[in-house]
Amino acid sequence: MDSSKEPPTMYLDDFQPKVPVTLVEGLKWKELLAFPAFQTWKSTLKTSLSNQKFSDHALHDTPYKLRSIKIQSFDKFDPKSETLNFVKMDALVSNDEKPPKRLPGIVFLRGGSVAVLMIVRPTDSPEERWVIMTEQPRVPAGSLSFMEIPAGMMDGERNIRGKAVQEIEEEVGMKLQDRDLIDMTKLAVQGHEVLDDVKMAMYPSPGGCDEWISILLWEKEIDRQQIETLKGKLTGNRKQHEMITLRLLNYERLLEVGGRDAKTLAAWSLYEYLKRTGQLP
């Protein structure tokens, strides 16, 4: 027997009782523990489970526990790296009823993302509003020309504005100042207290994926000629196989195209709400 081979089952000792985790072939235990999305998920779930102790919690009388985790698959952008990018797993969360009730627990872990609604106004006609969009292949959607607002995965990065600046430079070719970015999701939800440690961000598919997206706003008046140079511009990080074409959409018709993209739809909704309530300059 090869003693260096990872055992098929390990245990999370930050839960009581310890939670068995069944690994999948090729996945190292240290890789999973270092995966930021997994760290955030288990920390958030642990807090949520502990909140059942409060008498006014909906599940107080029949509390649930994390019983086990089975890793089903994983992916890396770089196969030679020890850095995970995606993990799919089955988390068994059930109560002590006879028979026990189980919560749906198929989870696709990918971590956080940041997206930016970029609105430009020509200096000679500031009442005009144009939205900078990216058009690129999105194979999961079956499209080679999917249009959306600029966005990117956090990849463990904690500086949301810094990551947004980086993504905009790569995808749009513009160098922004992080002080000019407004976190619209945080601004909108910060007044609503929740027991769980969920992010002050938008969760596009919480029934199956952990992904949360911080949606930021960048709105500026710039020279019309500069706006024209953005139309049809080819951008993207070629090392990451990005093939991006920039498109400019009239803000008033944004949802005719952007309504297919959850980030764009959420960004529009946040922008309109925060403008209406006077929370945006």
Protein backbone atom coordinates (compact mmCIF):
# COMPACT_ATOMS: atom_id res chain seq x y z
CA MET A 1 0.00 0.00 0.00
CA ASP A 2 1.30 3.49 -0.92
CA SER A 3 1.44 5.36 2.40
CA SER A 4 1.87 8.71 0.58
CA LYS A 5 -1.54 8.42 -1.05
CA GLU A 6 -4.18 10.74 0.40
CA PRO A 7 -6.74 8.85 2.51
CA PRO A 8 -10.22 8.81 0.98
CA THR A 9 -11.79 10.40 4.08
CA MET A 10 -10.54 13.21 6.32
CA TYR A 11 -12.23 15.12 9.14
CA LEU A 12 -13.11 18.74 9.79
CA ASP A 13 -12.37 19.29 13.46
CA ASP A 14 -13.86 22.77 13.63
CA PHE A 15 -17.32 21.15 13.83
CA GLN A 16 -18.59 19.06 16.74
CA PRO A 17 -18.83 16.22 16.17
CA LYS A 18 -16.07 16.15 13.57
CA VAL A 19 -17.38 16.06 10.02
CA PRO A 20 -16.08 13.35 7.67
CA VAL A 21 -15.03 14.63 4.24
CA THR A 22 -14.72 12.08 1.46
CA LEU A 23 -12.21 13.22 -1.13
CA VAL A 24 -12.17 12.50 -4.83
CA GLU A 25 -9.21 10.99 -6.66
CA GLY A 26 -6.50 13.54 -7.36
CA LEU A 27 -7.61 16.06 -4.75
CA LYS A 28 -5.25 16.77 -1.87
CA TRP A 29 -6.62 17.55 1.57
CA LYS A 30 -4.37 20.61 1.93
CA GLU A 31 -5.65 21.96 -1.40
CA LEU A 32 -9.24 21.77 -0.24
CA LEU A 33 -8.49 23.39 3.13
CA ALA A 34 -6.62 26.23 1.39
CA PHE A 35 -9.42 26.90 -1.11
CA PRO A 36 -10.85 30.33 -0.11
CA ALA A 37 -14.36 29.45 -1.29
CA PHE A 38 -14.39 26.33 0.90
CA GLN A 39 -13.09 28.29 3.88
CA THR A 40 -15.80 30.93 3.51
CA TRP A 41 -18.55 28.37 2.94
CA LYS A 42 -17.81 26.27 6.03
CA SER A 43 -17.32 29.34 8.22
CA THR A 44 -20.64 30.82 7.10
CA LEU A 45 -22.47 27.52 7.52
CA LYS A 46 -20.98 26.99 10.97
CA THR A 47 -22.30 30.38 12.08
CA SER A 48 -25.70 29.69 10.54
CA LEU A 49 -25.98 26.33 12.32
CA SER A 50 -25.01 27.87 15.66
CA ASN A 51 -27.73 30.51 15.30
CA GLN A 52 -30.36 27.79 15.65
CA LYS A 53 -29.80 28.01 19.41
CA PHE A 54 -31.82 31.21 19.58
CA SER A 55 -35.43 30.56 20.59
CA ASP A 56 -36.86 32.75 17.80
CA HIS A 57 -34.98 30.90 15.07
CA ALA A 58 -37.30 29.10 12.64
CA LEU A 59 -35.37 25.83 13.09
CA HIS A 60 -34.80 26.09 16.85
CA ASP A 61 -37.06 23.15 17.76
CA THR A 62 -35.60 20.75 15.18
CA PRO A 63 -32.03 22.00 14.60
CA TYR A 64 -29.91 20.80 11.70
CA LYS A 65 -26.30 19.62 11.72
CA LEU A 66 -23.63 19.11 9.08
CA ARG A 67 -23.16 15.33 9.00
CA SER A 68 -20.74 14.76 6.13
CA ILE A 69 -19.26 16.17 2.92
CA LYS A 70 -18.57 14.23 -0.24
CA ILE A 71 -16.37 15.92 -2.83
CA GLN A 72 -17.64 14.98 -6.27
CA SER A 73 -15.25 16.85 -8.58
CA PHE A 74 -12.79 19.75 -8.78
CA ASP A 75 -11.12 21.91 -11.42
CA LYS A 76 -7.97 23.98 -11.74
CA PHE A 77 -7.14 26.60 -14.36
CA ASP A 78 -3.56 25.37 -14.12
CA PRO A 79 -3.37 21.57 -13.71
CA LYS A 80 0.18 21.83 -12.32
CA SER A 81 -0.88 24.26 -9.60
CA GLU A 82 -2.14 23.39 -6.13
CA THR A 83 -4.71 26.18 -6.39
CA LEU A 84 -8.32 25.10 -6.81
CA ASN A 85 -10.79 27.15 -8.82
CA PHE A 86 -13.99 25.10 -8.66
CA VAL A 87 -15.26 22.33 -6.39
CA LYS A 88 -18.54 20.42 -6.57
CA MET A 89 -19.66 18.60 -3.45
CA ASP A 90 -22.59 17.04 -1.63
CA ALA A 91 -23.05 18.36 1.91
CA LEU A 92 -25.33 16.30 4.13
CA VAL A 93 -27.21 18.65 6.47
CA SER A 94 -30.03 17.02 8.41
CA ASN A 95 -31.89 17.10 11.72
CA ASP A 96 -32.59 14.42 14.34
CA GLU A 97 -36.20 13.68 13.44
CA LYS A 98 -37.24 10.10 12.74
CA PRO A 99 -36.74 9.80 9.83
CA PRO A 100 -34.35 12.76 9.58
CA LYS A 101 -35.13 15.62 7.25
CA ARG A 102 -32.36 16.68 4.90
CA LEU A 103 -31.71 20.08 3.34
CA PRO A 104 -30.70 20.21 -0.35
CA GLY A 105 -26.91 20.13 -0.27
CA ILE A 106 -25.42 19.90 -3.76
CA VAL A 107 -22.95 22.79 -3.80
CA PHE A 108 -20.83 24.31 -6.56
CA LEU A 109 -18.03 26.29 -4.92
CA ARG A 110 -16.37 29.07 -6.92
CA GLY A 111 -16.11 31.96 -4.45
CA GLY A 112 -16.73 35.64 -4.85
CA SER A 113 -16.72 37.92 -7.88
CA VAL A 114 -16.79 41.62 -8.57
CA ALA A 115 -18.71 43.40 -11.34
CA VAL A 116 -18.73 47.04 -12.37
CA LEU A 117 -21.49 49.10 -13.95
CA MET A 118 -19.52 51.62 -16.03
CA ILE A 119 -21.54 54.62 -17.16
CA VAL A 120 -19.91 57.28 -19.32
CA ARG A 121 -21.42 60.65 -20.17
CA PRO A 122 -20.05 62.78 -23.05
CA THR A 123 -18.73 66.11 -21.76
CA ASP A 124 -20.57 67.91 -24.56
CA SER A 125 -23.88 66.25 -23.66
CA PRO A 126 -23.82 65.02 -20.02
CA GLU A 127 -27.49 64.02 -20.09
CA GLU A 128 -26.50 61.11 -22.37
CA ARG A 129 -25.58 57.87 -20.61
CA TRP A 130 -23.68 55.01 -22.22
CA VAL A 131 -22.88 51.70 -20.54
CA ILE A 132 -19.62 49.90 -21.29
CA MET A 133 -20.32 46.20 -21.91
CA THR A 134 -18.10 43.24 -22.71
CA GLU A 135 -18.98 40.71 -25.40
CA GLN A 136 -17.16 37.39 -25.16
CA PRO A 137 -17.55 33.62 -25.53
CA ARG A 138 -19.39 32.02 -22.63
CA VAL A 139 -19.41 28.30 -23.35
CA PRO A 140 -21.52 27.37 -20.26
CA ALA A 141 -24.29 29.55 -21.72
CA GLY A 142 -23.71 28.01 -25.16
CA SER A 143 -22.81 31.43 -26.54
CA LEU A 144 -19.77 32.82 -28.35
CA SER A 145 -20.97 36.42 -28.05
CA PHE A 146 -22.52 36.88 -24.62
CA MET A 147 -22.88 40.50 -23.48
CA GLU A 148 -22.45 41.51 -19.84
CA ILE A 149 -20.97 44.19 -17.61
CA PRO A 150 -17.22 43.78 -16.83
CA ALA A 151 -16.63 41.24 -14.07
CA GLY A 152 -14.07 38.84 -12.65
CA MET A 153 -13.52 36.26 -9.93
CA MET A 154 -11.98 37.38 -6.64
CA ASP A 155 -9.64 34.33 -6.53
CA GLY A 156 -9.14 34.76 -2.78
CA GLU A 157 -8.47 38.49 -3.11
CA ARG A 158 -10.07 40.49 -0.28
CA ASN A 159 -9.72 44.01 -1.69
CA ILE A 160 -12.93 44.35 -3.71
CA ARG A 161 -12.15 47.77 -5.19
CA GLY A 162 -8.58 46.75 -6.00
CA LYS A 163 -9.81 43.66 -7.82
CA ALA A 164 -12.34 45.76 -9.74
CA VAL A 165 -9.58 48.14 -10.87
CA GLN A 166 -7.53 45.16 -12.06
CA GLU A 167 -10.43 43.62 -14.00
CA ILE A 168 -11.35 46.89 -15.68
CA GLU A 169 -7.77 47.43 -16.78
CA GLU A 170 -7.69 43.91 -18.30
CA GLU A 171 -11.17 43.85 -19.83
CA VAL A 172 -11.72 47.49 -20.79
CA GLY A 173 -8.20 48.86 -21.01
CA MET A 174 -8.92 51.75 -18.65
CA LYS A 175 -7.03 52.54 -15.45
CA LEU A 176 -9.49 53.56 -12.75
CA GLN A 177 -8.93 54.98 -9.29
CA ASP A 178 -10.48 52.83 -6.60
CA ARG A 179 -11.73 55.97 -4.83
CA ASP A 180 -14.06 56.55 -7.81
CA LEU A 181 -15.80 53.20 -7.31
CA ILE A 182 -18.99 52.90 -5.26
CA ASP A 183 -20.01 49.50 -3.84
CA MET A 184 -23.72 49.56 -4.66
CA THR A 185 -24.58 46.19 -3.12
CA LYS A 186 -23.02 47.14 0.22
CA LEU A 187 -24.69 50.54 0.13
CA ALA A 188 -28.10 49.01 -0.54
CA VAL A 189 -28.09 46.16 2.00
CA GLN A 190 -26.00 47.53 4.87
CA GLY A 191 -29.11 48.63 6.77
CA HIS A 192 -30.53 45.10 6.87
CA GLU A 193 -29.08 42.99 9.66
CA VAL A 194 -28.92 39.22 9.19
CA LEU A 195 -27.89 36.51 11.63
CA ASP A 196 -25.81 34.62 9.10
CA ASP A 197 -22.38 35.75 7.91
CA VAL A 198 -23.49 36.07 4.30
CA LYS A 199 -21.68 38.74 2.30
CA MET A 200 -23.05 42.21 1.64
CA ALA A 201 -23.26 41.20 -2.00
CA MET A 202 -25.62 39.66 -4.55
CA TYR A 203 -26.00 35.85 -4.67
CA PRO A 204 -27.13 34.99 -8.23
CA SER A 205 -27.93 31.31 -7.56
CA PRO A 206 -27.93 30.50 -3.80
CA GLY A 207 -29.84 27.27 -4.36
CA GLY A 208 -26.82 25.61 -5.97
CA CYS A 209 -23.77 27.87 -5.90
CA ASP A 210 -21.87 29.81 -3.25
CA GLU A 211 -20.93 32.63 -5.65
CA TRP A 212 -21.47 36.16 -4.36
CA ILE A 213 -20.97 39.27 -6.48
CA SER A 214 -20.12 42.75 -5.26
CA ILE A 215 -21.55 45.19 -7.79
CA LEU A 216 -19.74 48.49 -8.06
CA LEU A 217 -20.49 51.71 -9.94
CA TRP A 218 -18.12 53.92 -11.91
CA GLU A 219 -19.78 56.92 -13.54
CA LYS A 220 -17.84 59.71 -15.26
CA GLU A 221 -18.05 62.44 -17.86
CA ILE A 222 -15.40 61.88 -20.52
CA ASP A 223 -14.60 63.27 -23.94
CA ARG A 224 -16.89 62.00 -26.70
CA GLN A 225 -13.92 61.07 -28.85
CA GLN A 226 -12.63 58.81 -26.06
CA ILE A 227 -16.05 57.18 -25.88
CA GLU A 228 -15.96 56.51 -29.62
CA THR A 229 -12.56 54.80 -29.35
CA LEU A 230 -14.06 52.22 -26.95
CA LYS A 231 -16.62 50.94 -29.45
CA GLY A 232 -15.59 47.56 -30.84
CA LYS A 233 -12.23 47.62 -29.05
CA LEU A 234 -10.62 44.19 -28.60
CA THR A 235 -9.40 43.51 -25.06
CA GLY A 236 -8.92 40.71 -22.53
CA ASN A 237 -6.16 38.76 -20.85
CA ARG A 238 -4.91 36.44 -23.58
CA LYS A 239 -3.08 34.29 -21.02
CA GLN A 240 -6.50 33.47 -19.56
CA HIS A 241 -7.90 32.90 -23.08
CA GLU A 242 -10.12 35.98 -22.85
CA MET A 243 -11.39 37.29 -26.18
CA ILE A 244 -13.39 40.41 -25.38
CA THR A 245 -15.01 42.99 -27.63
CA LEU A 246 -16.23 46.21 -26.02
CA ARG A 247 -19.75 47.41 -26.77
CA LEU A 248 -21.46 50.62 -25.73
CA LEU A 249 -25.18 50.51 -25.01
CA ASN A 250 -27.49 53.46 -24.50
CA TYR A 251 -28.47 53.32 -20.83
CA GLU A 252 -32.15 53.77 -21.67
CA ARG A 253 -32.05 50.53 -23.70
CA LEU A 254 -29.67 48.62 -21.45
CA LEU A 255 -32.08 45.87 -20.44
CA GLU A 256 -32.91 44.94 -24.03
CA VAL A 257 -29.51 43.23 -24.02
CA GLY A 258 -28.35 43.24 -20.41
CA GLY A 259 -31.55 41.69 -19.11
CA ARG A 260 -30.08 38.25 -19.93
CA ASP A 261 -27.17 38.81 -17.57
CA ALA A 262 -27.94 38.63 -13.84
CA LYS A 263 -25.08 41.01 -12.99
CA THR A 264 -26.31 43.65 -15.40
CA LEU A 265 -29.91 43.30 -14.27
CA ALA A 266 -28.89 43.58 -10.61
CA ALA A 267 -26.59 46.54 -11.33
CA TRP A 268 -29.39 48.40 -13.13
CA SER A 269 -31.80 47.69 -10.27
CA LEU A 270 -29.33 48.86 -7.63
CA TYR A 271 -28.44 52.00 -9.58
CA GLU A 272 -32.07 52.97 -10.08
CA TYR A 273 -32.95 52.29 -6.43
CA LEU A 274 -29.97 54.18 -5.00
CA LYS A 275 -30.61 57.12 -7.32
CA ARG A 276 -34.29 57.21 -6.36
CA THR A 277 -33.47 57.14 -2.64
CA GLY A 278 -30.77 59.80 -2.96
CA GLN A 279 -27.92 57.53 -1.88
CA LEU A 280 -25.87 58.13 -5.03
CA PRO A 281 -24.30 61.48 -5.84
